């Protein structure tokens, strides 16, 4: 099981045995605690979340 965050939209997806599903957008708590927008910006993305 792999989890992904789309650095443009903030959509969380997961992948199992090569099949990927969009699951949900990041929660407000996740945005504050984990600060994914900052990590995405460091990698050269322009997040919209």
C-alpha atoms as a PDB file:
ATOM      1  CA  UNK A   1       0.000   0.000   0.000  1.00  0.00           C
ATOM      2  CA  UNK A   2       1.479   3.325  -1.090  1.00  0.00           C
ATOM      3  CA  UNK A   3       0.018   6.758  -0.327  1.00  0.00           C
ATOM      4  CA  UNK A   4       0.570   9.786  -2.565  1.00  0.00           C
ATOM      5  CA  UNK A   5      -0.184  13.498  -2.338  1.00  0.00           C
ATOM      6  CA  UNK A   6      -0.724  15.393  -5.589  1.00  0.00           C
ATOM      7  CA  UNK A   7       1.416  18.505  -5.119  1.00  0.00           C
ATOM      8  CA  UNK A   8      -0.886  20.609  -7.298  1.00  0.00           C
ATOM      9  CA  UNK A   9      -4.352  19.764  -5.984  1.00  0.00           C
ATOM     10  CA  UNK A  10      -3.633  18.278  -2.556  1.00  0.00           C
ATOM     11  CA  UNK A  11      -5.561  15.114  -3.422  1.00  0.00           C
ATOM     12  CA  UNK A  12      -4.492  12.022  -1.483  1.00  0.00           C
ATOM     13  CA  UNK A  13      -4.335   8.814  -3.511  1.00  0.00           C
ATOM     14  CA  UNK A  14      -3.398   5.287  -2.639  1.00  0.00           C
ATOM     15  CA  UNK A  15      -2.012   2.445  -4.697  1.00  0.00           C
ATOM     16  CA  UNK A  16      -2.377  -1.286  -4.136  1.00  0.00           C
ATOM     17  CA  UNK A  17      -0.773  -3.818  -6.480  1.00  0.00           C
ATOM     18  CA  UNK A  18      -0.308  -1.232  -9.221  1.00  0.00           C
ATOM     19  CA  UNK A  19      -3.829   0.218  -9.144  1.00  0.00           C
ATOM     20  CA  UNK A  20      -4.218   3.788  -7.912  1.00  0.00           C
ATOM     21  CA  UNK A  21      -7.356   5.458  -6.504  1.00  0.00           C
ATOM     22  CA  UNK A  22      -7.950   9.107  -5.640  1.00  0.00           C
ATOM     23  CA  UNK A  23      -9.229   9.135  -2.098  1.00  0.00           C
ATOM     24  CA  UNK A  24      -9.749  12.622  -0.624  1.00  0.00           C
ATOM     25  CA  UNK A  25      -8.261  16.074  -0.208  1.00  0.00           C
ATOM     26  CA  UNK A  26      -5.895  16.777   2.664  1.00  0.00           C
ATOM     27  CA  UNK A  27      -7.644  17.798   5.881  1.00  0.00           C
ATOM     28  CA  UNK A  28      -7.089  21.169   7.513  1.00  0.00           C
ATOM     29  CA  UNK A  29      -5.272  19.445  10.362  1.00  0.00           C
ATOM     30  CA  UNK A  30      -2.930  17.632   7.959  1.00  0.00           C
ATOM     31  CA  UNK A  31      -2.135  20.927   6.220  1.00  0.00           C
ATOM     32  CA  UNK A  32      -1.160  22.555   9.538  1.00  0.00           C
ATOM     33  CA  UNK A  33       0.665  19.642  11.158  1.00  0.00           C
ATOM     34  CA  UNK A  34       2.525  18.126   8.189  1.00  0.00           C
ATOM     35  CA  UNK A  35       2.849  21.281   6.018  1.00  0.00           C
ATOM     36  CA  UNK A  36       2.784  19.476   2.661  1.00  0.00           C
ATOM     37  CA  UNK A  37       2.536  22.747   0.704  1.00  0.00           C
ATOM     38  CA  UNK A  38       5.986  23.781   1.930  1.00  0.00           C
ATOM     39  CA  UNK A  39       7.451  20.395   0.984  1.00  0.00           C
ATOM     40  CA  UNK A  40       5.875  20.627  -2.479  1.00  0.00           C
ATOM     41  CA  UNK A  41       7.242  24.155  -2.994  1.00  0.00           C
ATOM     42  CA  UNK A  42      10.747  22.936  -2.098  1.00  0.00           C
ATOM     43  CA  UNK A  43      10.386  20.348  -4.876  1.00  0.00           C
ATOM     44  CA  UNK A  44       9.400  23.019  -7.427  1.00  0.00           C
ATOM     45  CA  UNK A  45       5.599  22.668  -7.436  1.00  0.00           C
ATOM     46  CA  UNK A  46       3.047  25.470  -7.030  1.00  0.00           C
ATOM     47  CA  UNK A  47       0.390  23.964  -4.752  1.00  0.00           C
ATOM     48  CA  UNK A  48      -3.229  25.188  -4.944  1.00  0.00           C
ATOM     49  CA  UNK A  49      -4.087  23.976  -1.441  1.00  0.00           C
END
